[in-house]
C-alpha cells in the first residue's frame, strides 16, 4: 500500500529506498536493455549480486557480483534477464571492484 501511495505522490517507491545494508538500487529499461543503478549509502563495503553485464562507470565486465565501497556507485548494463540483485552484509575487507566517489 505504501509503495502505491508514494508512486501516486510522485515520490520514490519502496524499491528505490536504501535496503538494510544501505544499498539503493534502481532498474531502468530501454528497449531490450536494462540498466541497474547501485548506490551504497552505507559506511562499509558491500557486495551486491547482479546479473552479468558491463559496469558503465568502470568499463569492467560484471560476472555476478559487484563490490561497492562506502558511497560507491555502479551502473550495470545488464546482459541477462535483469533479475533484481541481492546484497551481502557489509564486510571490512578492501574493495576490489566498483569505484569511489
C-alpha atoms as a PDB file:
ATOM      1  CA  UNK A   1       0.000   0.000   0.000  1.00  0.00           C
ATOM      2  CA  UNK A   2       2.794   2.435   0.915  1.00  0.00           C
ATOM      3  CA  UNK A   3       4.533   1.963  -2.446  1.00  0.00           C
ATOM      4  CA  UNK A   4       1.273   2.740  -4.256  1.00  0.00           C
ATOM      5  CA  UNK A   5       0.773   5.919  -2.207  1.00  0.00           C
ATOM      6  CA  UNK A   6       4.376   7.025  -2.799  1.00  0.00           C
ATOM      7  CA  UNK A   7       4.064   6.466  -6.555  1.00  0.00           C
ATOM      8  CA  UNK A   8       0.775   8.394  -6.670  1.00  0.00           C
ATOM      9  CA  UNK A   9       2.512  11.300  -4.914  1.00  0.00           C
ATOM     10  CA  UNK A  10       5.379  11.181  -7.408  1.00  0.00           C
ATOM     11  CA  UNK A  11       7.862  10.037  -4.764  1.00  0.00           C
ATOM     12  CA  UNK A  12      10.316   7.134  -4.789  1.00  0.00           C
ATOM     13  CA  UNK A  13       8.785   3.708  -4.443  1.00  0.00           C
ATOM     14  CA  UNK A  14       9.945   1.357  -1.708  1.00  0.00           C
ATOM     15  CA  UNK A  15      12.349  -0.393  -4.090  1.00  0.00           C
ATOM     16  CA  UNK A  16      14.183   2.911  -4.631  1.00  0.00           C
ATOM     17  CA  UNK A  17      14.975   3.374  -0.928  1.00  0.00           C
ATOM     18  CA  UNK A  18      18.221   2.004   0.510  1.00  0.00           C
ATOM     19  CA  UNK A  19      17.861  -1.506   1.950  1.00  0.00           C
ATOM     20  CA  UNK A  20      19.127  -2.681   5.346  1.00  0.00           C
ATOM     21  CA  UNK A  21      22.725  -2.783   4.027  1.00  0.00           C
ATOM     22  CA  UNK A  22      22.424   0.824   2.797  1.00  0.00           C
ATOM     23  CA  UNK A  23      22.276  -0.008  -0.921  1.00  0.00           C
ATOM     24  CA  UNK A  24      19.840   1.808  -3.165  1.00  0.00           C
ATOM     25  CA  UNK A  25      19.062   0.021  -6.415  1.00  0.00           C
ATOM     26  CA  UNK A  26      17.033   1.232  -9.330  1.00  0.00           C
ATOM     27  CA  UNK A  27      16.482  -0.662 -12.548  1.00  0.00           C
ATOM     28  CA  UNK A  28      15.503   1.003 -15.804  1.00  0.00           C
ATOM     29  CA  UNK A  29      14.856  -0.426 -19.251  1.00  0.00           C
ATOM     30  CA  UNK A  30      15.399   0.977 -22.694  1.00  0.00           C
ATOM     31  CA  UNK A  31      14.219  -1.334 -25.417  1.00  0.00           C
ATOM     32  CA  UNK A  32      15.604  -4.774 -24.637  1.00  0.00           C
ATOM     33  CA  UNK A  33      18.462  -3.493 -22.465  1.00  0.00           C
ATOM     34  CA  UNK A  34      18.157  -2.957 -18.724  1.00  0.00           C
ATOM     35  CA  UNK A  35      20.354  -0.768 -16.561  1.00  0.00           C
ATOM     36  CA  UNK A  36      20.892  -1.381 -12.870  1.00  0.00           C
ATOM     37  CA  UNK A  37      21.940   1.645 -10.798  1.00  0.00           C
ATOM     38  CA  UNK A  38      23.550   0.760  -7.444  1.00  0.00           C
ATOM     39  CA  UNK A  39      24.417   3.338  -4.777  1.00  0.00           C
ATOM     40  CA  UNK A  40      25.997   2.388  -1.465  1.00  0.00           C
ATOM     41  CA  UNK A  41      24.765   4.897   1.115  1.00  0.00           C
ATOM     42  CA  UNK A  42      26.458   2.953   3.914  1.00  0.00           C
ATOM     43  CA  UNK A  43      29.732   3.422   5.749  1.00  0.00           C
ATOM     44  CA  UNK A  44      31.109  -0.028   4.855  1.00  0.00           C
ATOM     45  CA  UNK A  45      31.868  -2.132   1.798  1.00  0.00           C
ATOM     46  CA  UNK A  46      29.030  -4.246   0.410  1.00  0.00           C
ATOM     47  CA  UNK A  47      28.937  -6.985  -2.205  1.00  0.00           C
ATOM     48  CA  UNK A  48      25.896  -6.935  -4.461  1.00  0.00           C
ATOM     49  CA  UNK A  49      24.809  -9.929  -6.554  1.00  0.00           C
ATOM     50  CA  UNK A  50      23.986  -8.716 -10.054  1.00  0.00           C
ATOM     51  CA  UNK A  51      23.108 -10.068 -13.470  1.00  0.00           C
ATOM     52  CA  UNK A  52      26.047 -10.326 -15.838  1.00  0.00           C
ATOM     53  CA  UNK A  53      26.842  -7.231 -17.839  1.00  0.00           C
ATOM     54  CA  UNK A  54      29.147  -4.240 -18.002  1.00  0.00           C
ATOM     55  CA  UNK A  55      29.766  -1.652 -15.286  1.00  0.00           C
ATOM     56  CA  UNK A  56      29.427   1.566 -17.265  1.00  0.00           C
ATOM     57  CA  UNK A  57      31.338   3.533 -14.578  1.00  0.00           C
ATOM     58  CA  UNK A  58      34.479   1.416 -14.908  1.00  0.00           C
ATOM     59  CA  UNK A  59      34.074  -0.374 -18.245  1.00  0.00           C
ATOM     60  CA  UNK A  60      34.684  -3.707 -16.479  1.00  0.00           C
ATOM     61  CA  UNK A  61      32.746  -6.881 -17.156  1.00  0.00           C
ATOM     62  CA  UNK A  62      30.457  -7.926 -14.304  1.00  0.00           C
ATOM     63  CA  UNK A  63      30.010 -11.663 -13.861  1.00  0.00           C
ATOM     64  CA  UNK A  64      27.619 -11.886 -10.930  1.00  0.00           C
ATOM     65  CA  UNK A  65      28.819  -9.583  -8.141  1.00  0.00           C
ATOM     66  CA  UNK A  66      29.996  -6.032  -7.654  1.00  0.00           C
ATOM     67  CA  UNK A  67      31.740  -4.759  -4.547  1.00  0.00           C
ATOM     68  CA  UNK A  68      30.821  -1.201  -3.646  1.00  0.00           C
ATOM     69  CA  UNK A  69      32.979   0.817  -1.255  1.00  0.00           C
ATOM     70  CA  UNK A  70      31.315   3.302   1.105  1.00  0.00           C
ATOM     71  CA  UNK A  71      29.445   5.880  -1.001  1.00  0.00           C
ATOM     72  CA  UNK A  72      30.363   3.860  -4.110  1.00  0.00           C
ATOM     73  CA  UNK A  73      28.250   3.577  -7.240  1.00  0.00           C
ATOM     74  CA  UNK A  74      27.887   1.217 -10.170  1.00  0.00           C
ATOM     75  CA  UNK A  75      25.739   1.355 -13.294  1.00  0.00           C
ATOM     76  CA  UNK A  76      25.370  -2.099 -14.803  1.00  0.00           C
ATOM     77  CA  UNK A  77      24.221  -2.572 -18.379  1.00  0.00           C
ATOM     78  CA  UNK A  78      22.625  -5.990 -17.930  1.00  0.00           C
ATOM     79  CA  UNK A  79      23.246  -8.803 -20.408  1.00  0.00           C
ATOM     80  CA  UNK A  80      20.822 -11.276 -18.856  1.00  0.00           C
ATOM     81  CA  UNK A  81      17.206 -11.307 -17.716  1.00  0.00           C
ATOM     82  CA  UNK A  82      17.844  -8.340 -15.404  1.00  0.00           C
ATOM     83  CA  UNK A  83      16.595 -10.034 -12.250  1.00  0.00           C
ATOM     84  CA  UNK A  84      16.911  -7.858  -9.135  1.00  0.00           C
ATOM     85  CA  UNK A  85      20.199  -8.040  -7.217  1.00  0.00           C
ATOM     86  CA  UNK A  86      20.648  -9.239  -3.668  1.00  0.00           C
ATOM     87  CA  UNK A  87      23.012  -7.661  -1.175  1.00  0.00           C
ATOM     88  CA  UNK A  88      25.509  -9.400   1.096  1.00  0.00           C
ATOM     89  CA  UNK A  89      26.187  -7.894   4.524  1.00  0.00           C
ATOM     90  CA  UNK A  90      28.960  -5.297   4.753  1.00  0.00           C
ATOM     91  CA  UNK A  91      32.481  -6.511   5.413  1.00  0.00           C
ATOM     92  CA  UNK A  92      35.688  -4.759   6.347  1.00  0.00           C
ATOM     93  CA  UNK A  93      37.944  -6.077   3.591  1.00  0.00           C
ATOM     94  CA  UNK A  94      39.368  -3.681   0.960  1.00  0.00           C
ATOM     95  CA  UNK A  95      37.248  -3.041  -2.115  1.00  0.00           C
ATOM     96  CA  UNK A  96      38.343  -4.815  -5.282  1.00  0.00           C
ATOM     97  CA  UNK A  97      35.605  -3.685  -7.653  1.00  0.00           C
ATOM     98  CA  UNK A  98      33.348  -0.674  -8.004  1.00  0.00           C
ATOM     99  CA  UNK A  99      34.515   2.890  -7.822  1.00  0.00           C
ATOM    100  CA  UNK A 100      34.941   5.552  -5.185  1.00  0.00           C
ATOM    101  CA  UNK A 101      33.311   8.946  -5.342  1.00  0.00           C
END
